[in-house]
PDB file of N, CA and C in Angstrom:
ATOM      1  N   MET A   1      93.413  99.466 144.055  1.00  0.00           N
ATOM      2  CA  MET A   1      94.103  99.439 142.792  1.00  0.00           C
ATOM      3  C   MET A   1      95.580  99.163 143.057  1.00  0.00           C
ATOM      4  N   SER A   2      96.142  98.292 142.275  1.00  0.00           N
ATOM      5  CA  SER A   2      97.548  97.933 142.412  1.00  0.00           C
ATOM      6  C   SER A   2      98.437  99.002 141.784  1.00  0.00           C
ATOM      7  N   SER A   3      99.623  99.153 142.306  1.00  0.00           N
ATOM      8  CA  SER A   3     100.587 100.083 141.721  1.00  0.00           C
ATOM      9  C   SER A   3     101.302  99.455 140.517  1.00  0.00           C
ATOM     10  N   ARG A   4     101.125  98.161 140.294  1.00  0.00           N
ATOM     11  CA  ARG A   4     101.764  97.487 139.159  1.00  0.00           C
ATOM     12  C   ARG A   4     100.995  97.813 137.881  1.00  0.00           C
ATOM     13  N   CYS A   5     101.697  98.249 136.844  1.00  0.00           N
ATOM     14  CA  CYS A   5     101.053  98.696 135.605  1.00  0.00           C
ATOM     15  C   CYS A   5     100.248  97.601 134.921  1.00  0.00           C
ATOM     16  N   VAL A   6     100.614  96.353 135.131  1.00  0.00           N
ATOM     17  CA  VAL A   6      99.887  95.252 134.509  1.00  0.00           C
ATOM     18  C   VAL A   6      98.431  95.203 134.992  1.00  0.00           C
ATOM     19  N   TYR A   7      98.150  95.771 136.171  1.00  0.00           N
ATOM     20  CA  TYR A   7      96.802  95.768 136.723  1.00  0.00           C
ATOM     21  C   TYR A   7      96.079  97.101 136.551  1.00  0.00           C
ATOM     22  N   ALA A   8      96.585  97.964 135.680  1.00  0.00           N
ATOM     23  CA  ALA A   8      95.900  99.227 135.418  1.00  0.00           C
ATOM     24  C   ALA A   8      94.483  98.930 134.931  1.00  0.00           C
ATOM     25  N   GLY A   9      93.514  99.571 135.497  1.00  0.00           N
ATOM     26  CA  GLY A   9      92.128  99.351 135.109  1.00  0.00           C
ATOM     27  C   GLY A   9      91.412  98.294 135.921  1.00  0.00           C
ATOM     28  N   VAL A  10      92.092  97.734 136.912  1.00  0.00           N
ATOM     29  CA  VAL A  10      91.486  96.749 137.808  1.00  0.00           C
ATOM     30  C   VAL A  10      91.385  97.375 139.193  1.00  0.00           C
ATOM     31  N   GLY A  11      90.201  97.333 139.777  1.00  0.00           N
ATOM     32  CA  GLY A  11      90.009  97.920 141.091  1.00  0.00           C
ATOM     33  C   GLY A  11      89.312  96.966 142.037  1.00  0.00           C
ATOM     34  N   GLU A  12      89.639  97.096 143.310  1.00  0.00           N
ATOM     35  CA  GLU A  12      88.978  96.305 144.343  1.00  0.00           C
ATOM     36  C   GLU A  12      87.981  97.203 145.052  1.00  0.00           C
ATOM     37  N   VAL A  13      86.768  96.708 145.219  1.00  0.00           N
ATOM     38  CA  VAL A  13      85.707  97.529 145.797  1.00  0.00           C
ATOM     39  C   VAL A  13      85.102  96.868 147.031  1.00  0.00           C
ATOM     40  N   SER A  14      84.650  97.718 147.934  1.00  0.00           N
ATOM     41  CA  SER A  14      83.896  97.289 149.114  1.00  0.00           C
ATOM     42  C   SER A  14      82.860  98.360 149.409  1.00  0.00           C
ATOM     43  N   ILE A  15      81.669  97.928 149.757  1.00  0.00           N
ATOM     44  CA  ILE A  15      80.669  98.863 150.247  1.00  0.00           C
ATOM     45  C   ILE A  15      80.096  98.291 151.535  1.00  0.00           C
ATOM     46  N   TYR A  16      79.740  99.182 152.412  1.00  0.00           N
ATOM     47  CA  TYR A  16      79.153  98.783 153.687  1.00  0.00           C
ATOM     48  C   TYR A  16      77.897  99.610 153.911  1.00  0.00           C
ATOM     49  N   VAL A  17      76.804  98.936 154.233  1.00  0.00           N
ATOM     50  CA  VAL A  17      75.531  99.593 154.459  1.00  0.00           C
ATOM     51  C   VAL A  17      75.125  99.332 155.907  1.00  0.00           C
ATOM     52  N   SER A  18      74.703 100.369 156.574  1.00  0.00           N
ATOM     53  CA  SER A  18      74.248 100.247 157.962  1.00  0.00           C
ATOM     54  C   SER A  18      73.108  99.238 158.053  1.00  0.00           C
ATOM     55  N   PRO A  19      73.109  98.424 159.094  1.00  0.00           N
ATOM     56  CA  PRO A  19      71.988  97.480 159.267  1.00  0.00           C
ATOM     57  C   PRO A  19      70.626  98.185 159.246  1.00  0.00           C
ATOM     58  N   LYS A  20      70.573  99.438 159.691  1.00  0.00           N
ATOM     59  CA  LYS A  20      69.316 100.197 159.691  1.00  0.00           C
ATOM     60  C   LYS A  20      68.833 100.510 158.275  1.00  0.00           C
ATOM     61  N   ALA A  21      69.752 100.517 157.305  1.00  0.00           N
ATOM     62  CA  ALA A  21      69.413 100.890 155.933  1.00  0.00           C
ATOM     63  C   ALA A  21      69.260  99.693 155.008  1.00  0.00           C
ATOM     64  N   LYS A  22      69.484  98.499 155.512  1.00  0.00           N
ATOM     65  CA  LYS A  22      69.414  97.312 154.651  1.00  0.00           C
ATOM     66  C   LYS A  22      67.990  97.083 154.146  1.00  0.00           C
ATOM     67  N   GLY A  23      67.916  96.589 152.900  1.00  0.00           N
ATOM     68  CA  GLY A  23      66.633  96.292 152.296  1.00  0.00           C
ATOM     69  C   GLY A  23      65.947  97.486 151.667  1.00  0.00           C
ATOM     70  N   LYS A  24      66.639  98.613 151.573  1.00  0.00           N
ATOM     71  CA  LYS A  24      66.042  99.833 151.018  1.00  0.00           C
ATOM     72  C   LYS A  24      66.634 100.216 149.664  1.00  0.00           C
ATOM     73  N   GLY A  25      67.445  99.336 149.081  1.00  0.00           N
ATOM     74  CA  GLY A  25      68.013  99.611 147.769  1.00  0.00           C
ATOM     75  C   GLY A  25      69.268 100.461 147.792  1.00  0.00           C
ATOM     76  N   ILE A  26      69.758 100.782 148.966  1.00  0.00           N
ATOM     77  CA  ILE A  26      70.934 101.643 149.076  1.00  0.00           C
ATOM     78  C   ILE A  26      72.183 100.932 148.556  1.00  0.00           C
ATOM     79  N   GLY A  27      72.347  99.674 148.896  1.00  0.00           N
ATOM     80  CA  GLY A  27      73.502  98.913 148.421  1.00  0.00           C
ATOM     81  C   GLY A  27      73.522  98.825 146.903  1.00  0.00           C
ATOM     82  N   THR A  28      72.374  98.562 146.304  1.00  0.00           N
ATOM     83  CA  THR A  28      72.281  98.491 144.840  1.00  0.00           C
ATOM     84  C   THR A  28      72.627  99.840 144.224  1.00  0.00           C
ATOM     85  N   ALA A  29      72.094 100.917 144.790  1.00  0.00           N
ATOM     86  CA  ALA A  29      72.371 102.257 144.266  1.00  0.00           C
ATOM     87  C   ALA A  29      73.859 102.593 144.384  1.00  0.00           C
ATOM     88  N   LEU A  30      74.452 102.289 145.527  1.00  0.00           N
ATOM     89  CA  LEU A  30      75.875 102.579 145.728  1.00  0.00           C
ATOM     90  C   LEU A  30      76.749 101.797 144.754  1.00  0.00           C
ATOM     91  N   LEU A  31      76.489 100.503 144.643  1.00  0.00           N
ATOM     92  CA  LEU A  31      77.317  99.663 143.787  1.00  0.00           C
ATOM     93  C   LEU A  31      77.113 100.003 142.309  1.00  0.00           C
ATOM     94  N   THR A  32      75.886 100.313 141.914  1.00  0.00           N
ATOM     95  CA  THR A  32      75.610 100.714 140.534  1.00  0.00           C
ATOM     96  C   THR A  32      76.343 102.011 140.197  1.00  0.00           C
ATOM     97  N   ASN A  33      76.289 102.975 141.106  1.00  0.00           N
ATOM     98  CA  ASN A  33      76.992 104.239 140.896  1.00  0.00           C
ATOM     99  C   ASN A  33      78.495 104.027 140.836  1.00  0.00           C
ATOM    100  N   LEU A  34      79.003 103.184 141.705  1.00  0.00           N
ATOM    101  CA  LEU A  34      80.433 102.881 141.711  1.00  0.00           C
ATOM    102  C   LEU A  34      80.868 102.271 140.370  1.00  0.00           C
ATOM    103  N   ILE A  35      80.057 101.372 139.829  1.00  0.00           N
ATOM    104  CA  ILE A  35      80.356 100.757 138.534  1.00  0.00           C
ATOM    105  C   ILE A  35      80.393 101.825 137.445  1.00  0.00           C
ATOM    106  N   GLU A  36      79.380 102.683 137.414  1.00  0.00           N
ATOM    107  CA  GLU A  36      79.324 103.739 136.396  1.00  0.00           C
ATOM    108  C   GLU A  36      80.538 104.661 136.487  1.00  0.00           C
ATOM    109  N   GLU A  37      80.884 105.079 137.692  1.00  0.00           N
ATOM    110  CA  GLU A  37      82.037 105.961 137.883  1.00  0.00           C
ATOM    111  C   GLU A  37      83.341 105.259 137.512  1.00  0.00           C
ATOM    112  N   SER A  38      83.440 103.989 137.853  1.00  0.00           N
ATOM    113  CA  SER A  38      84.673 103.262 137.526  1.00  0.00           C
ATOM    114  C   SER A  38      84.870 103.176 136.016  1.00  0.00           C
ATOM    115  N   GLU A  39      83.792 102.937 135.291  1.00  0.00           N
ATOM    116  CA  GLU A  39      83.902 102.855 133.832  1.00  0.00           C
ATOM    117  C   GLU A  39      84.261 104.207 133.224  1.00  0.00           C
ATOM    118  N   ARG A  40      83.716 105.280 133.773  1.00  0.00           N
ATOM    119  CA  ARG A  40      84.073 106.623 133.292  1.00  0.00           C
ATOM    120  C   ARG A  40      85.547 106.927 133.538  1.00  0.00           C
ATOM    121  N   ASN A  41      86.129 106.222 134.494  1.00  0.00           N
ATOM    122  CA  ASN A  41      87.525 106.458 134.848  1.00  0.00           C
ATOM    123  C   ASN A  41      88.466 105.353 134.368  1.00  0.00           C
ATOM    124  N   GLY A  42      88.015 104.553 133.403  1.00  0.00           N
ATOM    125  CA  GLY A  42      88.895 103.605 132.737  1.00  0.00           C
ATOM    126  C   GLY A  42      89.084 102.256 133.405  1.00  0.00           C
ATOM    127  N   PHE A  43      88.265 101.929 134.391  1.00  0.00           N
ATOM    128  CA  PHE A  43      88.369 100.610 135.018  1.00  0.00           C
ATOM    129  C   PHE A  43      87.594  99.602 134.183  1.00  0.00           C
ATOM    130  N   TRP A  44      88.225  98.492 133.873  1.00  0.00           N
ATOM    131  CA  TRP A  44      87.584  97.455 133.073  1.00  0.00           C
ATOM    132  C   TRP A  44      87.224  96.224 133.888  1.00  0.00           C
ATOM    133  N   THR A  45      87.804  96.093 135.071  1.00  0.00           N
ATOM    134  CA  THR A  45      87.463  94.989 135.968  1.00  0.00           C
ATOM    135  C   THR A  45      87.365  95.503 137.395  1.00  0.00           C
ATOM    136  N   LEU A  46      86.309  95.101 138.073  1.00  0.00           N
ATOM    137  CA  LEU A  46      86.163  95.359 139.503  1.00  0.00           C
ATOM    138  C   LEU A  46      86.126  94.008 140.202  1.00  0.00           C
ATOM    139  N   GLN A  47      86.770  93.933 141.342  1.00  0.00           N
ATOM    140  CA  GLN A  47      86.724  92.698 142.115  1.00  0.00           C
ATOM    141  C   GLN A  47      86.362  93.015 143.556  1.00  0.00           C
ATOM    142  N   SER A  48      85.767  92.041 144.205  1.00  0.00           N
ATOM    143  CA  SER A  48      85.330  92.199 145.584  1.00  0.00           C
ATOM    144  C   SER A  48      85.487  90.871 146.305  1.00  0.00           C
ATOM    145  N   THR A  49      85.845  90.943 147.559  1.00  0.00           N
ATOM    146  CA  THR A  49      85.969  89.749 148.391  1.00  0.00           C
ATOM    147  C   THR A  49      84.937  89.844 149.514  1.00  0.00           C
ATOM    148  N   VAL A  50      84.124  88.799 149.639  1.00  0.00           N
ATOM    149  CA  VAL A  50      83.007  88.794 150.586  1.00  0.00           C
ATOM    150  C   VAL A  50      83.084  87.526 151.430  1.00  0.00           C
ATOM    151  N   LEU A  51      82.773  87.647 152.715  1.00  0.00           N
ATOM    152  CA  LEU A  51      82.710  86.458 153.562  1.00  0.00           C
ATOM    153  C   LEU A  51      81.666  85.487 153.001  1.00  0.00           C
ATOM    154  N   LEU A  52      82.007  84.232 152.969  1.00  0.00           N
ATOM    155  CA  LEU A  52      81.144  83.202 152.393  1.00  0.00           C
ATOM    156  C   LEU A  52      79.739  83.224 152.993  1.00  0.00           C
ATOM    157  N   GLU A  53      79.640  83.492 154.277  1.00  0.00           N
ATOM    158  CA  GLU A  53      78.320  83.451 154.911  1.00  0.00           C
ATOM    159  C   GLU A  53      77.487  84.716 154.662  1.00  0.00           C
ATOM    160  N   ASN A  54      78.076  85.726 154.023  1.00  0.00           N
ATOM    161  CA  ASN A  54      77.355  86.968 153.753  1.00  0.00           C
ATOM    162  C   ASN A  54      76.592  86.851 152.430  1.00  0.00           C
ATOM    163  N   GLU A  55      75.563  86.023 152.455  1.00  0.00           N
ATOM    164  CA  GLU A  55      74.786  85.731 151.244  1.00  0.00           C
ATOM    165  C   GLU A  55      74.132  86.982 150.667  1.00  0.00           C
ATOM    166  N   ALA A  56      73.700  87.906 151.517  1.00  0.00           N
ATOM    167  CA  ALA A  56      73.064  89.135 151.016  1.00  0.00           C
ATOM    168  C   ALA A  56      74.040  89.936 150.153  1.00  0.00           C
ATOM    169  N   SER A  57      75.280  90.051 150.590  1.00  0.00           N
ATOM    170  CA  SER A  57      76.276  90.792 149.823  1.00  0.00           C
ATOM    171  C   SER A  57      76.627  90.066 148.526  1.00  0.00           C
ATOM    172  N   ILE A  58      76.734  88.764 148.583  1.00  0.00           N
ATOM    173  CA  ILE A  58      77.019  87.983 147.379  1.00  0.00           C
ATOM    174  C   ILE A  58      75.897  88.186 146.359  1.00  0.00           C
ATOM    175  N   GLN A  59      74.653  88.110 146.811  1.00  0.00           N
ATOM    176  CA  GLN A  59      73.512  88.304 145.909  1.00  0.00           C
ATOM    177  C   GLN A  59      73.469  89.726 145.358  1.00  0.00           C
ATOM    178  N   LEU A  60      73.808  90.708 146.171  1.00  0.00           N
ATOM    179  CA  LEU A  60      73.862  92.095 145.702  1.00  0.00           C
ATOM    180  C   LEU A  60      74.867  92.234 144.569  1.00  0.00           C
ATOM    181  N   HIS A  61      76.047  91.688 144.757  1.00  0.00           N
ATOM    182  CA  HIS A  61      77.074  91.765 143.715  1.00  0.00           C
ATOM    183  C   HIS A  61      76.616  91.063 142.432  1.00  0.00           C
ATOM    184  N   LYS A  62      76.012  89.902 142.578  1.00  0.00           N
ATOM    185  CA  LYS A  62      75.530  89.172 141.395  1.00  0.00           C
ATOM    186  C   LYS A  62      74.444  89.968 140.669  1.00  0.00           C
ATOM    187  N   LYS A  63      73.599  90.644 141.427  1.00  0.00           N
ATOM    188  CA  LYS A  63      72.502  91.436 140.867  1.00  0.00           C
ATOM    189  C   LYS A  63      73.003  92.522 139.916  1.00  0.00           C
ATOM    190  N   VAL A  64      74.185  93.083 140.202  1.00  0.00           N
ATOM    191  CA  VAL A  64      74.715  94.169 139.376  1.00  0.00           C
ATOM    192  C   VAL A  64      75.806  93.694 138.414  1.00  0.00           C
ATOM    193  N   GLY A  65      75.898  92.389 138.204  1.00  0.00           N
ATOM    194  CA  GLY A  65      76.766  91.880 137.153  1.00  0.00           C
ATOM    195  C   GLY A  65      78.071  91.239 137.574  1.00  0.00           C
ATOM    196  N   PHE A  66      78.311  91.090 138.867  1.00  0.00           N
ATOM    197  CA  PHE A  66      79.506  90.375 139.315  1.00  0.00           C
ATOM    198  C   PHE A  66      79.256  88.876 139.194  1.00  0.00           C
ATOM    199  N   ARG A  67      80.327  88.126 139.051  1.00  0.00           N
ATOM    200  CA  ARG A  67      80.239  86.667 139.038  1.00  0.00           C
ATOM    201  C   ARG A  67      81.232  86.116 140.046  1.00  0.00           C
ATOM    202  N   ILE A  68      80.924  84.947 140.562  1.00  0.00           N
ATOM    203  CA  ILE A  68      81.828  84.295 141.504  1.00  0.00           C
ATOM    204  C   ILE A  68      82.978  83.682 140.726  1.00  0.00           C
ATOM    205  N   VAL A  69      84.191  84.017 141.140  1.00  0.00           N
ATOM    206  CA  VAL A  69      85.394  83.489 140.510  1.00  0.00           C
ATOM    207  C   VAL A  69      85.913  82.289 141.297  1.00  0.00           C
ATOM    208  N   GLY A  70      85.789  82.355 142.615  1.00  0.00           N
ATOM    209  CA  GLY A  70      86.276  81.249 143.431  1.00  0.00           C
ATOM    210  C   GLY A  70      86.089  81.515 144.907  1.00  0.00           C
ATOM    211  N   THR A  71      86.468  80.517 145.686  1.00  0.00           N
ATOM    212  CA  THR A  71      86.379  80.590 147.134  1.00  0.00           C
ATOM    213  C   THR A  71      87.763  80.381 147.722  1.00  0.00           C
ATOM    214  N   ARG A  72      88.083  81.187 148.703  1.00  0.00           N
ATOM    215  CA  ARG A  72      89.353  81.037 149.422  1.00  0.00           C
ATOM    216  C   ARG A  72      89.027  80.530 150.818  1.00  0.00           C
ATOM    217  N   GLU A  73      89.554  79.376 151.157  1.00  0.00           N
ATOM    218  CA  GLU A  73      89.233  78.734 152.428  1.00  0.00           C
ATOM    219  C   GLU A  73      90.142  79.231 153.547  1.00  0.00           C
ATOM    220  N   LYS A  74      89.524  79.496 154.677  1.00  0.00           N
ATOM    221  CA  LYS A  74      90.238  79.891 155.893  1.00  0.00           C
ATOM    222  C   LYS A  74      91.324  80.934 155.599  1.00  0.00           C
ATOM    223  N   ILE A  75      90.908  82.010 154.950  1.00  0.00           N
ATOM    224  CA  ILE A  75      91.864  83.038 154.540  1.00  0.00           C
ATOM    225  C   ILE A  75      92.011  84.148 155.586  1.00  0.00           C
ATOM    226  N   GLY A  76      91.060  84.245 156.482  1.00  0.00           N
ATOM    227  CA  GLY A  76      91.151  85.277 157.513  1.00  0.00           C
ATOM    228  C   GLY A  76      90.378  84.882 158.753  1.00  0.00           C
ATOM    229  N   LYS A  77      90.714  85.536 159.842  1.00  0.00           N
ATOM    230  CA  LYS A  77      90.017  85.280 161.104  1.00  0.00           C
ATOM    231  C   LYS A  77      89.144  86.474 161.462  1.00  0.00           C
ATOM    232  N   LEU A  78      87.942  86.171 161.914  1.00  0.00           N
ATOM    233  CA  LEU A  78      87.022  87.180 162.423  1.00  0.00           C
ATOM    234  C   LEU A  78      86.519  86.691 163.763  1.00  0.00           C
ATOM    235  N   ASN A  79      86.770  87.472 164.789  1.00  0.00           N
ATOM    236  CA  ASN A  79      86.376  87.086 166.152  1.00  0.00           C
ATOM    237  C   ASN A  79      86.950  85.728 166.539  1.00  0.00           C
ATOM    238  N   GLY A  80      88.193  85.470 166.093  1.00  0.00           N
ATOM    239  CA  GLY A  80      88.889  84.239 166.452  1.00  0.00           C
ATOM    240  C   GLY A  80      88.482  83.008 165.665  1.00  0.00           C
ATOM    241  N   VAL A  81      87.615  83.181 164.655  1.00  0.00           N
ATOM    242  CA  VAL A  81      87.135  82.052 163.860  1.00  0.00           C
ATOM    243  C   VAL A  81      87.632  82.213 162.425  1.00  0.00           C
ATOM    244  N   TRP A  82      88.236  81.148 161.890  1.00  0.00           N
ATOM    245  CA  TRP A  82      88.679  81.175 160.499  1.00  0.00           C
ATOM    246  C   TRP A  82      87.479  81.313 159.580  1.00  0.00           C
ATOM    247  N   ARG A  83      87.617  82.161 158.565  1.00  0.00           N
ATOM    248  CA  ARG A  83      86.508  82.416 157.631  1.00  0.00           C
ATOM    249  C   ARG A  83      86.950  82.158 156.193  1.00  0.00           C
ATOM    250  N   ASP A  84      86.002  81.674 155.409  1.00  0.00           N
ATOM    251  CA  ASP A  84      86.192  81.527 153.977  1.00  0.00           C
ATOM    252  C   ASP A  84      85.654  82.789 153.300  1.00  0.00           C
ATOM    253  N   THR A  85      86.230  83.139 152.161  1.00  0.00           N
ATOM    254  CA  THR A  85      85.727  84.267 151.398  1.00  0.00           C
ATOM    255  C   THR A  85      85.434  83.851 149.964  1.00  0.00           C
ATOM    256  N   VAL A  86      84.569  84.616 149.335  1.00  0.00           N
ATOM    257  CA  VAL A  86      84.219  84.427 147.934  1.00  0.00           C
ATOM    258  C   VAL A  86      84.818  85.599 147.165  1.00  0.00           C
ATOM    259  N   LEU A  87      85.512  85.313 146.073  1.00  0.00           N
ATOM    260  CA  LEU A  87      86.049  86.350 145.207  1.00  0.00           C
ATOM    261  C   LEU A  87      85.076  86.528 144.053  1.00  0.00           C
ATOM    262  N   LEU A  88      84.609  87.774 143.876  1.00  0.00           N
ATOM    263  CA  LEU A  88      83.697  88.099 142.794  1.00  0.00           C
ATOM    264  C   LEU A  88      84.355  89.124 141.884  1.00  0.00           C
ATOM    265  N   GLU A  89      83.993  89.106 140.592  1.00  0.00           N
ATOM    266  CA  GLU A  89      84.514  90.105 139.679  1.00  0.00           C
ATOM    267  C   GLU A  89      83.434  90.515 138.696  1.00  0.00           C
ATOM    268  N   ARG A  90      83.606  91.732 138.191  1.00  0.00           N
ATOM    269  CA  ARG A  90      82.724  92.264 137.156  1.00  0.00           C
ATOM    270  C   ARG A  90      83.591  92.831 136.060  1.00  0.00           C
ATOM    271  N   ARG A  91      83.392  92.357 134.846  1.00  0.00           N
ATOM    272  CA  ARG A  91      84.120  92.864 133.693  1.00  0.00           C
ATOM    273  C   ARG A  91      83.229  93.856 132.958  1.00  0.00           C
ATOM    274  N   SER A  92      83.753  95.013 132.665  1.00  0.00           N
ATOM    275  CA  SER A  92      83.002  96.038 131.970  1.00  0.00           C
ATOM    276  C   SER A  92      82.814  95.668 130.510  1.00  0.00           C
ATOM    277  N   LYS A  93      81.591  95.774 130.035  1.00  0.00           N
ATOM    278  CA  LYS A  93      81.319  95.533 128.623  1.00  0.00           C
ATOM    279  C   LYS A  93      81.856  96.664 127.764  1.00  0.00           C
ATOM    280  N   ALA A  94      82.114  97.812 128.378  1.00  0.00           N
ATOM    281  CA  ALA A  94      82.625  98.972 127.639  1.00  0.00           C
ATOM    282  C   ALA A  94      84.067  98.775 127.171  1.00  0.00           C
ATOM    283  N   TYR A  95      84.799  97.872 127.797  1.00  0.00           N
ATOM    284  CA  TYR A  95      86.232  97.722 127.490  1.00  0.00           C
ATOM    285  C   TYR A  95      86.584  96.358 126.933  1.00  0.00           C
ATOM    286  N   ILE A  96      85.603  95.499 126.729  1.00  0.00           N
ATOM    287  CA  ILE A  96      85.904  94.160 126.222  1.00  0.00           C
ATOM    288  C   ILE A  96      85.425  94.019 124.791  1.00  0.00           C
TER     289      ILE A  96
END
């Protein structure tokens, strides 16, 4: 969350699931709960940045109502390799 008042109600989210727990619905449960809690606390937009090649995470976000806003090319390095990221956002229907 930004300290600038213009961004009040906008939050950036990340979830990480152990490879041992993948495919068991844990990511969906975590992200769904996070959305519910964020709305109870006045957040109207959630955003997330995911590595372009992380298709599972992109699909998880889309499953719970996030949409792709855009792609940022070569925005960060991981293991010495430039990576592209996808910016996703979810707008709460409770506040629009």
